[in-house]
Amino acid sequence: MRLAGYVESLRRIETALIALAAVTIFGTVGYLLLGFTLLEALYQTVTTVATVGFREVRPLSAAGQVFTMVLIVLGVGTVLYNLSVILEAVTEGHLREHLERRHMDKVIAAMTGHVIICGHGRVGRAAAEFLAAGGHQVVVVDNEASRLEHLGHGLTYHLCGDVTDDAVLRDAGIERARALIATLDTDADTVYVTLSARAIRPDLVIIARARTTESKAKMLLAGASRAINPQRIGGRRMAVFALQPDVAEFLDVVMHDEDLDFRIEQLHVGDSSGLVGRTLGELAVQERTGALLLAIRRGAGQPFEPHPPADLVVPPGAVLIALGTQAELDQLVQLGGR
C-alpha cells in the first residue's frame, strides 16, 4: 500500500532520529562524568560519532578510552542506520510524499467553504466525485489508508485519520467548512461524528448517511441537518422510473448531467436582499431573468410552496427554488443582491 508505506517510512525516520539523539545524549553525559565541560562533552561526542578523526579535547583515561570505543560502536551503527533509512525514503519516493503531505496540510489549513467527506466508501466516493465535478473543494477523511490511494477525478485533498477524534475534524478545517457529509461504516460512528461536528460548529450543514430507517431519527436528534438512507432513496427512484420514466429522467438530467445547461438551484434571500418585501408579481422573475420559479420556502422548517402565487410577499430568510440555465440563474442571484 503506497500510503501505508509512506506512514511506515515516516515511523522509521522518526525512530532513527530518536536513536541518534539518544546516542548523542548518552555520549555527552558520559564525557561530563569523565570531567569534560558541557561544550567539550558535546564536541567530543559529535566528532566521535561522526568518526571525523579529530584529536581528543582532553587526554583520555583508561575508562575514557573504553567509553569512547563503546560510543564509536553505538554511534557508527546509529549513523549508518539513519543514512540507510533516509536513502530508502528518497529512493522509494517516501520523502517526496512527505513533502507533498506537508504541502497538502497547508492548503487544507487555508481552505474556506469546502465540504468534508467523512468515509470514502461507495456512498462517500459518489458524493465526493459529484461535488468535485461541480468545482467544489472537497477534503476526504478516512481511517483506512487503502481507500485514499485512488481518489476519483478532481479529488486531491485527503486526510488519513479517525473522524471520531475532534483533532482530525479540526485538521480537515471544520471551523471553515461549508458542509460535512458523514458516510461511515456504522450508524454509531456516524451519530458520534455528527455530535462532535455539531458541538464544534453549531451552524454547520451536516448530512448523515443512515443505514436503517430507525437510525434516521437518532441522527437528526444528534444534530444532523439531513439524514439520508441511500437504499431507500434508490428504491424509490427505481419505482419512479418504472411508473414515470420521463419525469424521473428529466429530474435526473437536470440535477446530475453536467453537459446540460439547465439546472435546478436554490437562492437564499438575505435580510438585505432586494427581493425582501416585494411580491413575486412585482419582481416578475421569469420575465426579468428567464428562470422559472418552481417553489418557495418562507423560512427554515416551513413547507415548500410549489408554484407560488403572484401576490406572495417574499420574506427575509426565504429560499427560492428555480429552474433555468446557468446564465439565467446568475441573473436571478444578481436580482436578489440588489
C-alpha atoms as a PDB file:
ATOM      1  CA  MET A   1       0.000   0.000   0.000  1.00  0.00           C
ATOM      2  CA  ARG A   2       1.520   3.267  -1.070  1.00  0.00           C
ATOM      3  CA  LEU A   3       0.077   5.376   1.735  1.00  0.00           C
ATOM      4  CA  ALA A   4       0.783   2.656   4.292  1.00  0.00           C
ATOM      5  CA  GLY A   5       4.410   2.526   3.090  1.00  0.00           C
ATOM      6  CA  TYR A   6       4.654   6.294   3.457  1.00  0.00           C
ATOM      7  CA  VAL A   7       3.417   6.098   7.061  1.00  0.00           C
ATOM      8  CA  GLU A   8       5.838   3.255   7.824  1.00  0.00           C
ATOM      9  CA  SER A   9       8.729   5.228   6.311  1.00  0.00           C
ATOM     10  CA  LEU A  10       7.919   8.238   8.498  1.00  0.00           C
ATOM     11  CA  ARG A  11       7.849   5.977  11.531  1.00  0.00           C
ATOM     12  CA  ARG A  12      11.286   4.559  10.687  1.00  0.00           C
ATOM     13  CA  ILE A  13      12.758   8.026  10.122  1.00  0.00           C
ATOM     14  CA  GLU A  14      11.360   9.144  13.475  1.00  0.00           C
ATOM     15  CA  THR A  15      12.849   6.078  15.190  1.00  0.00           C
ATOM     16  CA  ALA A  16      16.246   6.690  13.543  1.00  0.00           C
ATOM     17  CA  LEU A  17      16.335  10.333  14.651  1.00  0.00           C
ATOM     18  CA  ILE A  18      15.335   9.396  18.199  1.00  0.00           C
ATOM     19  CA  ALA A  19      18.137   6.818  18.284  1.00  0.00           C
ATOM     20  CA  LEU A  20      20.677   9.398  17.059  1.00  0.00           C
ATOM     21  CA  ALA A  21      19.518  11.879  19.688  1.00  0.00           C
ATOM     22  CA  ALA A  22      19.743   9.184  22.382  1.00  0.00           C
ATOM     23  CA  VAL A  23      23.329   8.306  21.392  1.00  0.00           C
ATOM     24  CA  THR A  24      24.297  11.984  21.443  1.00  0.00           C
ATOM     25  CA  ILE A  25      22.806  12.467  24.902  1.00  0.00           C
ATOM     26  CA  PHE A  26      24.456   9.245  26.120  1.00  0.00           C
ATOM     27  CA  GLY A  27      27.882  10.365  24.866  1.00  0.00           C
ATOM     28  CA  THR A  28      27.555  13.886  26.248  1.00  0.00           C
ATOM     29  CA  VAL A  29      26.527  12.657  29.695  1.00  0.00           C
ATOM     30  CA  GLY A  30      29.337  10.092  29.672  1.00  0.00           C
ATOM     31  CA  TYR A  31      32.013  12.674  28.904  1.00  0.00           C
ATOM     32  CA  LEU A  32      30.550  15.008  31.520  1.00  0.00           C
ATOM     33  CA  LEU A  33      31.055  12.260  34.096  1.00  0.00           C
ATOM     34  CA  LEU A  34      34.662  11.901  32.863  1.00  0.00           C
ATOM     35  CA  GLY A  35      35.326  15.544  33.757  1.00  0.00           C
ATOM     36  CA  PHE A  36      34.626  17.360  30.456  1.00  0.00           C
ATOM     37  CA  THR A  37      32.729  20.633  30.307  1.00  0.00           C
ATOM     38  CA  LEU A  38      29.329  20.603  28.576  1.00  0.00           C
ATOM     39  CA  LEU A  39      30.682  22.120  25.340  1.00  0.00           C
ATOM     40  CA  GLU A  40      33.704  19.805  25.382  1.00  0.00           C
ATOM     41  CA  ALA A  41      31.490  16.769  26.039  1.00  0.00           C
ATOM     42  CA  LEU A  42      29.120  17.629  23.197  1.00  0.00           C
ATOM     43  CA  TYR A  43      32.008  18.383  20.807  1.00  0.00           C
ATOM     44  CA  GLN A  44      33.801  15.129  21.716  1.00  0.00           C
ATOM     45  CA  THR A  45      30.552  13.152  21.238  1.00  0.00           C
ATOM     46  CA  VAL A  46      29.794  14.630  17.813  1.00  0.00           C
ATOM     47  CA  THR A  47      33.326  14.127  16.484  1.00  0.00           C
ATOM     48  CA  THR A  48      33.417  10.574  17.831  1.00  0.00           C
ATOM     49  CA  VAL A  49      30.006   9.556  16.447  1.00  0.00           C
ATOM     50  CA  ALA A  50      30.775  11.187  13.096  1.00  0.00           C
ATOM     51  CA  THR A  51      34.221   9.462  13.004  1.00  0.00           C
ATOM     52  CA  VAL A  52      35.871  12.584  11.570  1.00  0.00           C
ATOM     53  CA  GLY A  53      39.218  11.699  13.216  1.00  0.00           C
ATOM     54  CA  PHE A  54      39.854  14.873  15.242  1.00  0.00           C
ATOM     55  CA  ARG A  55      42.043  14.529  18.330  1.00  0.00           C
ATOM     56  CA  GLU A  56      40.542  14.268  21.791  1.00  0.00           C
ATOM     57  CA  VAL A  57      39.708  17.505  23.556  1.00  0.00           C
ATOM     58  CA  ARG A  58      41.414  16.149  26.679  1.00  0.00           C
ATOM     59  CA  PRO A  59      43.688  13.185  27.292  1.00  0.00           C
ATOM     60  CA  LEU A  60      41.565  10.110  27.956  1.00  0.00           C
ATOM     61  CA  SER A  61      41.985   7.807  30.918  1.00  0.00           C
ATOM     62  CA  ALA A  62      41.534   4.068  30.566  1.00  0.00           C
ATOM     63  CA  ALA A  63      37.851   4.479  31.456  1.00  0.00           C
ATOM     64  CA  GLY A  64      37.565   7.263  28.892  1.00  0.00           C
ATOM     65  CA  GLN A  65      39.115   5.104  26.192  1.00  0.00           C
ATOM     66  CA  VAL A  66      36.729   2.232  26.921  1.00  0.00           C
ATOM     67  CA  PHE A  67      33.743   4.604  26.907  1.00  0.00           C
ATOM     68  CA  THR A  68      34.909   6.133  23.598  1.00  0.00           C
ATOM     69  CA  MET A  69      35.153   2.692  21.973  1.00  0.00           C
ATOM     70  CA  VAL A  70      31.614   1.855  23.124  1.00  0.00           C
ATOM     71  CA  LEU A  71      30.377   5.207  21.839  1.00  0.00           C
ATOM     72  CA  ILE A  72      32.039   4.649  18.452  1.00  0.00           C
ATOM     73  CA  VAL A  73      30.331   1.263  18.042  1.00  0.00           C
ATOM     74  CA  LEU A  74      26.931   2.648  19.035  1.00  0.00           C
ATOM     75  CA  GLY A  75      27.369   5.918  17.146  1.00  0.00           C
ATOM     76  CA  VAL A  76      28.585   4.467  13.867  1.00  0.00           C
ATOM     77  CA  GLY A  77      25.771   1.897  13.873  1.00  0.00           C
ATOM     78  CA  THR A  78      23.191   4.603  14.532  1.00  0.00           C
ATOM     79  CA  VAL A  79      24.573   6.934  11.857  1.00  0.00           C
ATOM     80  CA  LEU A  80      24.625   4.125   9.282  1.00  0.00           C
ATOM     81  CA  TYR A  81      21.037   3.245  10.183  1.00  0.00           C
ATOM     82  CA  ASN A  82      19.995   6.883   9.725  1.00  0.00           C
ATOM     83  CA  LEU A  83      21.690   7.023   6.330  1.00  0.00           C
ATOM     84  CA  SER A  84      20.028   3.803   5.195  1.00  0.00           C
ATOM     85  CA  VAL A  85      16.579   4.971   6.299  1.00  0.00           C
ATOM     86  CA  ILE A  86      16.953   8.347   4.562  1.00  0.00           C
ATOM     87  CA  LEU A  87      18.328   6.697   1.411  1.00  0.00           C
ATOM     88  CA  GLU A  88      15.410   4.271   1.387  1.00  0.00           C
ATOM     89  CA  ALA A  89      12.921   7.127   1.814  1.00  0.00           C
ATOM     90  CA  VAL A  90      14.471   9.005  -1.117  1.00  0.00           C
ATOM     91  CA  THR A  91      14.714   6.013  -3.454  1.00  0.00           C
ATOM     92  CA  GLU A  92      11.166   4.793  -2.720  1.00  0.00           C
ATOM     93  CA  GLY A  93       9.647   8.255  -3.007  1.00  0.00           C
ATOM     94  CA  HIS A  94       8.502   8.492   0.610  1.00  0.00           C
ATOM     95  CA  LEU A  95      10.416  11.724   1.173  1.00  0.00           C
ATOM     96  CA  ARG A  96       8.603  13.315  -1.763  1.00  0.00           C
ATOM     97  CA  GLU A  97       5.303  12.037  -0.404  1.00  0.00           C
ATOM     98  CA  HIS A  98       6.144  13.542   2.984  1.00  0.00           C
ATOM     99  CA  LEU A  99       6.776  16.938   1.377  1.00  0.00           C
ATOM    100  CA  GLU A 100       3.549  16.627  -0.636  1.00  0.00           C
ATOM    101  CA  ARG A 101       1.681  15.730   2.559  1.00  0.00           C
ATOM    102  CA  ARG A 102       3.006  18.829   4.321  1.00  0.00           C
ATOM    103  CA  HIS A 103       2.009  20.977   1.345  1.00  0.00           C
ATOM    104  CA  MET A 104      -1.456  19.421   1.337  1.00  0.00           C
ATOM    105  CA  ASP A 105      -1.878  20.098   5.056  1.00  0.00           C
ATOM    106  CA  LYS A 106      -1.002  23.764   4.463  1.00  0.00           C
ATOM    107  CA  VAL A 107      -3.546  24.010   1.630  1.00  0.00           C
ATOM    108  CA  ILE A 108      -6.272  22.409   3.767  1.00  0.00           C
ATOM    109  CA  ALA A 109      -5.439  24.784   6.622  1.00  0.00           C
ATOM    110  CA  ALA A 110      -6.099  27.714   4.255  1.00  0.00           C
ATOM    111  CA  MET A 111      -9.350  26.331   2.782  1.00  0.00           C
ATOM    112  CA  THR A 112     -12.676  28.092   3.321  1.00  0.00           C
ATOM    113  CA  GLY A 113     -16.134  26.991   2.222  1.00  0.00           C
ATOM    114  CA  HIS A 114     -15.107  23.422   1.391  1.00  0.00           C
ATOM    115  CA  VAL A 115     -17.020  20.182   2.010  1.00  0.00           C
ATOM    116  CA  ILE A 116     -15.653  17.457   4.292  1.00  0.00           C
ATOM    117  CA  ILE A 117     -16.451  13.859   3.336  1.00  0.00           C
ATOM    118  CA  CYS A 118     -16.133  11.506   6.319  1.00  0.00           C
ATOM    119  CA  GLY A 119     -15.778   7.969   4.999  1.00  0.00           C
ATOM    120  CA  HIS A 120     -14.683   7.152   1.449  1.00  0.00           C
ATOM    121  CA  GLY A 121     -16.749   4.056   0.726  1.00  0.00           C
ATOM    122  CA  ARG A 122     -19.187   3.718  -2.159  1.00  0.00           C
ATOM    123  CA  VAL A 123     -21.553   6.457  -0.964  1.00  0.00           C
ATOM    124  CA  GLY A 124     -18.789   8.804   0.158  1.00  0.00           C
ATOM    125  CA  ARG A 125     -16.903   8.348  -3.115  1.00  0.00           C
ATOM    126  CA  ALA A 126     -20.032   9.133  -5.161  1.00  0.00           C
ATOM    127  CA  ALA A 127     -20.734  12.285  -3.126  1.00  0.00           C
ATOM    128  CA  ALA A 128     -17.115  13.455  -3.338  1.00  0.00           C
ATOM    129  CA  GLU A 129     -16.877  12.913  -7.106  1.00  0.00           C
ATOM    130  CA  PHE A 130     -20.168  14.752  -7.712  1.00  0.00           C
ATOM    131  CA  LEU A 131     -19.007  17.750  -5.662  1.00  0.00           C
ATOM    132  CA  ALA A 132     -15.583  17.787  -7.338  1.00  0.00           C
ATOM    133  CA  ALA A 133     -17.229  17.650 -10.773  1.00  0.00           C
ATOM    134  CA  GLY A 134     -19.197  20.757  -9.813  1.00  0.00           C
ATOM    135  CA  GLY A 135     -15.996  22.642  -8.980  1.00  0.00           C
ATOM    136  CA  HIS A 136     -16.351  22.486  -5.199  1.00  0.00           C
ATOM    137  CA  GLN A 137     -13.371  21.979  -2.900  1.00  0.00           C
ATOM    138  CA  VAL A 138     -13.537  18.642  -1.083  1.00  0.00           C
ATOM    139  CA  VAL A 139     -11.483  17.140   1.751  1.00  0.00           C
ATOM    140  CA  VAL A 140     -11.875  13.360   2.092  1.00  0.00           C
ATOM    141  CA  VAL A 141     -11.190  11.788   5.505  1.00  0.00           C
ATOM    142  CA  ASP A 142     -10.982   8.048   6.143  1.00  0.00           C
ATOM    143  CA  ASN A 143      -9.220   5.859   8.686  1.00  0.00           C
ATOM    144  CA  GLU A 144      -8.228   3.258   6.068  1.00  0.00           C
ATOM    145  CA  ALA A 145      -5.226   4.314   4.003  1.00  0.00           C
ATOM    146  CA  SER A 146      -6.155   1.944   1.168  1.00  0.00           C
ATOM    147  CA  ARG A 147      -9.353   3.901   0.466  1.00  0.00           C
ATOM    148  CA  LEU A 148      -7.388   7.102  -0.056  1.00  0.00           C
ATOM    149  CA  GLU A 149      -4.868   5.724  -2.532  1.00  0.00           C
ATOM    150  CA  HIS A 150      -7.104   6.062  -5.599  1.00  0.00           C
ATOM    151  CA  LEU A 151      -9.341   9.096  -5.242  1.00  0.00           C
ATOM    152  CA  GLY A 152     -11.762   9.970  -8.019  1.00  0.00           C
ATOM    153  CA  HIS A 153     -11.226  12.579 -10.718  1.00  0.00           C
ATOM    154  CA  GLY A 154     -10.801  16.092  -9.347  1.00  0.00           C
ATOM    155  CA  LEU A 155     -10.191  14.882  -5.787  1.00  0.00           C
ATOM    156  CA  THR A 156      -6.808  15.780  -4.339  1.00  0.00           C
ATOM    157  CA  TYR A 157      -7.043  16.704  -0.683  1.00  0.00           C
ATOM    158  CA  HIS A 158      -7.390  13.978   1.926  1.00  0.00           C
ATOM    159  CA  LEU A 159      -6.524  13.005   5.475  1.00  0.00           C
ATOM    160  CA  CYS A 160      -5.983   9.554   6.963  1.00  0.00           C
ATOM    161  CA  GLY A 161      -7.401   9.506  10.468  1.00  0.00           C
ATOM    162  CA  ASP A 162     -10.302   8.649  12.746  1.00  0.00           C
ATOM    163  CA  VAL A 163     -13.015  11.280  12.307  1.00  0.00           C
ATOM    164  CA  THR A 164     -14.442  10.426  15.728  1.00  0.00           C
ATOM    165  CA  ASP A 165     -11.409  12.345  17.003  1.00  0.00           C
ATOM    166  CA  ASP A 166     -12.116  16.085  17.168  1.00  0.00           C
ATOM    167  CA  ALA A 167      -8.484  16.847  16.285  1.00  0.00           C
ATOM    168  CA  VAL A 168      -8.911  15.125  12.902  1.00  0.00           C
ATOM    169  CA  LEU A 169     -12.043  17.156  12.164  1.00  0.00           C
ATOM    170  CA  ARG A 170     -10.162  20.327  13.016  1.00  0.00           C
ATOM    171  CA  ASP A 171      -7.271  19.266  10.775  1.00  0.00           C
ATOM    172  CA  ALA A 172      -9.826  18.892   7.973  1.00  0.00           C
ATOM    173  CA  GLY A 173     -10.845  22.530   8.512  1.00  0.00           C
ATOM    174  CA  ILE A 174     -14.268  22.023  10.070  1.00  0.00           C
ATOM    175  CA  GLU A 175     -14.232  25.569  11.506  1.00  0.00           C
ATOM    176  CA  ARG A 176     -14.171  26.982   7.969  1.00  0.00           C
ATOM    177  CA  ALA A 177     -16.093  24.277   6.076  1.00  0.00           C
ATOM    178  CA  ARG A 178     -19.348  24.793   4.228  1.00  0.00           C
ATOM    179  CA  ALA A 179     -20.749  21.341   4.981  1.00  0.00           C
ATOM    180  CA  LEU A 180     -19.861  17.893   6.299  1.00  0.00           C
ATOM    181  CA  ILE A 181     -21.101  14.605   4.821  1.00  0.00           C
ATOM    182  CA  ALA A 182     -20.826  11.577   7.130  1.00  0.00           C
ATOM    183  CA  THR A 183     -20.888   8.194   5.378  1.00  0.00           C
ATOM    184  CA  LEU A 184     -19.135   5.946   7.890  1.00  0.00           C
ATOM    185  CA  ASP A 185     -19.289   2.168   8.147  1.00  0.00           C
ATOM    186  CA  THR A 186     -21.614   2.105  11.153  1.00  0.00           C
ATOM    187  CA  ASP A 187     -24.528   4.264  12.247  1.00  0.00           C
ATOM    188  CA  ALA A 188     -22.982   4.531  15.722  1.00  0.00           C
ATOM    189  CA  ASP A 189     -19.842   6.181  14.307  1.00  0.00           C
ATOM    190  CA  THR A 190     -21.960   8.468  12.126  1.00  0.00           C
ATOM    191  CA  VAL A 191     -24.006   9.596  15.143  1.00  0.00           C
ATOM    192  CA  TYR A 192     -20.780  10.215  17.126  1.00  0.00           C
ATOM    193  CA  VAL A 193     -19.254  12.293  14.320  1.00  0.00           C
ATOM    194  CA  THR A 194     -22.493  14.237  13.959  1.00  0.00           C
ATOM    195  CA  LEU A 195     -22.485  15.078  17.673  1.00  0.00           C
ATOM    196  CA  SER A 196     -18.832  16.119  17.549  1.00  0.00           C
ATOM    197  CA  ALA A 197     -19.233  18.235  14.413  1.00  0.00           C
ATOM    198  CA  ARG A 198     -22.347  19.969  15.773  1.00  0.00           C
ATOM    199  CA  ALA A 199     -20.535  20.768  19.030  1.00  0.00           C
ATOM    200  CA  ILE A 200     -17.614  22.321  17.128  1.00  0.00           C
ATOM    201  CA  ARG A 201     -19.744  24.157  14.535  1.00  0.00           C
ATOM    202  CA  PRO A 202     -23.361  24.806  15.593  1.00  0.00           C
ATOM    203  CA  ASP A 203     -24.118  26.412  12.205  1.00  0.00           C
ATOM    204  CA  LEU A 204     -22.554  23.718  10.002  1.00  0.00           C
ATOM    205  CA  VAL A 205     -24.645  21.866   7.409  1.00  0.00           C
ATOM    206  CA  ILE A 206     -24.311  18.167   8.316  1.00  0.00           C
ATOM    207  CA  ILE A 207     -25.591  15.423   6.029  1.00  0.00           C
ATOM    208  CA  ALA A 208     -25.565  11.949   7.603  1.00  0.00           C
ATOM    209  CA  ARG A 209     -25.968   8.600   5.836  1.00  0.00           C
ATOM    210  CA  ALA A 210     -28.384   6.340   7.708  1.00  0.00           C
ATOM    211  CA  ARG A 211     -28.151   2.608   7.092  1.00  0.00           C
ATOM    212  CA  THR A 212     -31.591   1.917   8.582  1.00  0.00           C
ATOM    213  CA  THR A 213     -34.856   3.811   8.754  1.00  0.00           C
ATOM    214  CA  GLU A 214     -34.787   3.715  12.562  1.00  0.00           C
ATOM    215  CA  SER A 215     -31.383   5.415  12.761  1.00  0.00           C
ATOM    216  CA  LYS A 216     -32.525   8.474  10.770  1.00  0.00           C
ATOM    217  CA  ALA A 217     -34.380   9.890  13.769  1.00  0.00           C
ATOM    218  CA  LYS A 218     -31.340   9.387  16.016  1.00  0.00           C
ATOM    219  CA  MET A 219     -29.087  11.233  13.586  1.00  0.00           C
ATOM    220  CA  LEU A 220     -31.476  14.157  13.411  1.00  0.00           C
ATOM    221  CA  LEU A 221     -31.556  14.256  17.221  1.00  0.00           C
ATOM    222  CA  ALA A 222     -27.745  14.167  17.216  1.00  0.00           C
ATOM    223  CA  GLY A 223     -27.701  17.354  15.155  1.00  0.00           C
ATOM    224  CA  ALA A 224     -27.705  16.295  11.501  1.00  0.00           C
ATOM    225  CA  SER A 225     -29.284  18.808   9.132  1.00  0.00           C
ATOM    226  CA  ARG A 226     -30.450  15.905   6.970  1.00  0.00           C
ATOM    227  CA  ALA A 227     -30.328  12.125   7.417  1.00  0.00           C
ATOM    228  CA  ILE A 228     -30.337  10.153   4.179  1.00  0.00           C
ATOM    229  CA  ASN A 229     -30.946   6.458   3.572  1.00  0.00           C
ATOM    230  CA  PRO A 230     -29.386   5.790   0.130  1.00  0.00           C
ATOM    231  CA  GLN A 231     -31.002   2.355  -0.204  1.00  0.00           C
ATOM    232  CA  ARG A 232     -34.475   3.741   0.435  1.00  0.00           C
ATOM    233  CA  ILE A 233     -33.943   6.653  -1.957  1.00  0.00           C
ATOM    234  CA  GLY A 234     -32.529   4.317  -4.586  1.00  0.00           C
ATOM    235  CA  GLY A 235     -35.531   2.024  -4.297  1.00  0.00           C
ATOM    236  CA  ARG A 236     -37.957   4.923  -4.651  1.00  0.00           C
ATOM    237  CA  ARG A 237     -36.130   6.230  -7.706  1.00  0.00           C
ATOM    238  CA  MET A 238     -36.317   2.817  -9.333  1.00  0.00           C
ATOM    239  CA  ALA A 239     -40.061   2.745  -8.667  1.00  0.00           C
ATOM    240  CA  VAL A 240     -40.477   6.226 -10.178  1.00  0.00           C
ATOM    241  CA  PHE A 241     -38.514   5.169 -13.263  1.00  0.00           C
ATOM    242  CA  ALA A 242     -40.883   2.207 -13.600  1.00  0.00           C
ATOM    243  CA  LEU A 243     -44.037   4.348 -13.360  1.00  0.00           C
ATOM    244  CA  GLN A 244     -42.979   7.751 -14.745  1.00  0.00           C
ATOM    245  CA  PRO A 245     -39.708   7.237 -16.613  1.00  0.00           C
ATOM    246  CA  ASP A 246     -39.738  10.568 -18.449  1.00  0.00           C
ATOM    247  CA  VAL A 247     -40.311  12.601 -15.280  1.00  0.00           C
ATOM    248  CA  ALA A 248     -37.591  10.700 -13.455  1.00  0.00           C
ATOM    249  CA  GLU A 249     -35.155  11.057 -16.355  1.00  0.00           C
ATOM    250  CA  PHE A 250     -35.829  14.795 -16.626  1.00  0.00           C
ATOM    251  CA  LEU A 251     -35.069  15.339 -12.935  1.00  0.00           C
ATOM    252  CA  ASP A 252     -32.030  13.091 -13.210  1.00  0.00           C
ATOM    253  CA  VAL A 253     -30.666  15.005 -16.179  1.00  0.00           C
ATOM    254  CA  VAL A 254     -31.320  18.428 -14.661  1.00  0.00           C
ATOM    255  CA  MET A 255     -29.695  17.527 -11.336  1.00  0.00           C
ATOM    256  CA  HIS A 256     -26.760  15.419 -12.495  1.00  0.00           C
ATOM    257  CA  ASP A 257     -25.967  15.845 -16.206  1.00  0.00           C
ATOM    258  CA  GLU A 258     -23.014  18.221 -16.492  1.00  0.00           C
ATOM    259  CA  ASP A 259     -23.464  18.532 -20.263  1.00  0.00           C
ATOM    260  CA  LEU A 260     -26.945  20.057 -19.967  1.00  0.00           C
ATOM    261  CA  ASP A 261     -27.070  23.779 -19.290  1.00  0.00           C
ATOM    262  CA  PHE A 262     -30.326  23.651 -17.322  1.00  0.00           C
ATOM    263  CA  ARG A 263     -30.120  23.477 -13.542  1.00  0.00           C
ATOM    264  CA  ILE A 264     -32.364  23.476 -10.503  1.00  0.00           C
ATOM    265  CA  GLU A 265     -30.816  25.614  -7.801  1.00  0.00           C
ATOM    266  CA  GLN A 266     -31.792  27.339  -4.574  1.00  0.00           C
ATOM    267  CA  LEU A 267     -31.391  31.010  -3.695  1.00  0.00           C
ATOM    268  CA  HIS A 268     -31.340  32.133  -0.082  1.00  0.00           C
ATOM    269  CA  VAL A 269     -32.925  35.544   0.440  1.00  0.00           C
ATOM    270  CA  GLY A 270     -30.858  37.531   2.932  1.00  0.00           C
ATOM    271  CA  ASP A 271     -32.165  40.347   5.115  1.00  0.00           C
ATOM    272  CA  SER A 272     -30.632  42.981   2.823  1.00  0.00           C
ATOM    273  CA  SER A 273     -31.738  41.338  -0.428  1.00  0.00           C
ATOM    274  CA  GLY A 274     -33.633  43.398  -2.960  1.00  0.00           C
ATOM    275  CA  LEU A 275     -36.324  40.704  -3.064  1.00  0.00           C
ATOM    276  CA  VAL A 276     -37.441  41.242   0.547  1.00  0.00           C
ATOM    277  CA  GLY A 277     -40.844  42.872   0.968  1.00  0.00           C
ATOM    278  CA  ARG A 278     -41.784  42.685  -2.709  1.00  0.00           C
ATOM    279  CA  THR A 279     -44.406  40.441  -4.302  1.00  0.00           C
ATOM    280  CA  LEU A 280     -43.492  37.823  -6.872  1.00  0.00           C
ATOM    281  CA  GLY A 281     -45.722  39.574  -9.374  1.00  0.00           C
ATOM    282  CA  GLU A 282     -43.815  42.798  -8.852  1.00  0.00           C
ATOM    283  CA  LEU A 283     -40.483  41.023  -9.196  1.00  0.00           C
ATOM    284  CA  ALA A 284     -41.508  39.261 -12.451  1.00  0.00           C
ATOM    285  CA  VAL A 285     -38.688  36.758 -12.010  1.00  0.00           C
ATOM    286  CA  GLN A 286     -39.214  34.819 -15.226  1.00  0.00           C
ATOM    287  CA  GLU A 287     -39.664  37.924 -17.394  1.00  0.00           C
ATOM    288  CA  ARG A 288     -36.573  39.650 -15.997  1.00  0.00           C
ATOM    289  CA  THR A 289     -34.209  36.672 -15.671  1.00  0.00           C
ATOM    290  CA  GLY A 290     -35.667  33.842 -17.725  1.00  0.00           C
ATOM    291  CA  ALA A 291     -35.511  31.486 -14.725  1.00  0.00           C
ATOM    292  CA  LEU A 292     -38.692  29.622 -13.781  1.00  0.00           C
ATOM    293  CA  LEU A 293     -39.623  29.860 -10.090  1.00  0.00           C
ATOM    294  CA  LEU A 294     -40.715  26.381  -9.022  1.00  0.00           C
ATOM    295  CA  ALA A 295     -41.270  26.802  -5.288  1.00  0.00           C
ATOM    296  CA  ILE A 296     -40.579  28.940  -2.250  1.00  0.00           C
ATOM    297  CA  ARG A 297     -39.921  28.161   1.382  1.00  0.00           C
ATOM    298  CA  ARG A 298     -40.688  31.122   3.621  1.00  0.00           C
ATOM    299  CA  GLY A 299     -38.279  30.104   6.393  1.00  0.00           C
ATOM    300  CA  ALA A 300     -36.369  27.263   7.994  1.00  0.00           C
ATOM    301  CA  GLY A 301     -38.680  24.374   8.873  1.00  0.00           C
ATOM    302  CA  GLN A 302     -41.518  25.765   6.740  1.00  0.00           C
ATOM    303  CA  PRO A 303     -43.055  23.598   3.974  1.00  0.00           C
ATOM    304  CA  PHE A 304     -42.304  24.269   0.324  1.00  0.00           C
ATOM    305  CA  GLU A 305     -44.975  26.145  -1.613  1.00  0.00           C
ATOM    306  CA  PRO A 306     -44.899  24.985  -5.246  1.00  0.00           C
ATOM    307  CA  HIS A 307     -45.949  27.400  -7.998  1.00  0.00           C
ATOM    308  CA  PRO A 308     -46.262  30.326  -5.548  1.00  0.00           C
ATOM    309  CA  PRO A 309     -48.911  32.979  -6.334  1.00  0.00           C
ATOM    310  CA  ALA A 310     -48.012  36.396  -7.736  1.00  0.00           C
ATOM    311  CA  ASP A 311     -49.266  38.220  -4.626  1.00  0.00           C
ATOM    312  CA  LEU A 312     -46.891  36.370  -2.275  1.00  0.00           C
ATOM    313  CA  VAL A 313     -44.584  38.788  -0.459  1.00  0.00           C
ATOM    314  CA  VAL A 314     -41.007  37.496  -0.176  1.00  0.00           C
ATOM    315  CA  PRO A 315     -39.918  37.496   3.489  1.00  0.00           C
ATOM    316  CA  PRO A 316     -36.301  37.654   4.697  1.00  0.00           C
ATOM    317  CA  GLY A 317     -34.785  34.210   5.142  1.00  0.00           C
ATOM    318  CA  ALA A 318     -36.876  32.669   2.369  1.00  0.00           C
ATOM    319  CA  VAL A 319     -35.445  30.110  -0.059  1.00  0.00           C
ATOM    320  CA  LEU A 320     -36.358  30.204  -3.750  1.00  0.00           C
ATOM    321  CA  ILE A 321     -36.164  27.066  -5.910  1.00  0.00           C
ATOM    322  CA  ALA A 322     -35.695  27.960  -9.574  1.00  0.00           C
ATOM    323  CA  LEU A 323     -35.100  26.183 -12.893  1.00  0.00           C
ATOM    324  CA  GLY A 324     -33.043  27.702 -15.699  1.00  0.00           C
ATOM    325  CA  THR A 325     -29.753  27.911 -17.477  1.00  0.00           C
ATOM    326  CA  GLN A 326     -26.677  28.913 -15.527  1.00  0.00           C
ATOM    327  CA  ALA A 327     -26.838  32.386 -17.065  1.00  0.00           C
ATOM    328  CA  GLU A 328     -30.490  32.789 -16.055  1.00  0.00           C
ATOM    329  CA  LEU A 329     -29.810  31.593 -12.526  1.00  0.00           C
ATOM    330  CA  ASP A 330     -26.879  34.004 -12.285  1.00  0.00           C
ATOM    331  CA  GLN A 331     -29.222  36.854 -13.255  1.00  0.00           C
ATOM    332  CA  LEU A 332     -31.614  35.726 -10.517  1.00  0.00           C
ATOM    333  CA  VAL A 333     -28.763  35.870  -7.998  1.00  0.00           C
ATOM    334  CA  GLN A 334     -27.907  39.385  -9.200  1.00  0.00           C
ATOM    335  CA  LEU A 335     -31.574  40.380  -8.893  1.00  0.00           C
ATOM    336  CA  GLY A 336     -31.608  39.121  -5.314  1.00  0.00           C
ATOM    337  CA  GLY A 337     -28.495  41.073  -4.489  1.00  0.00           C
ATOM    338  CA  ARG A 338     -29.898  44.414  -5.403  1.00  0.00           C
END
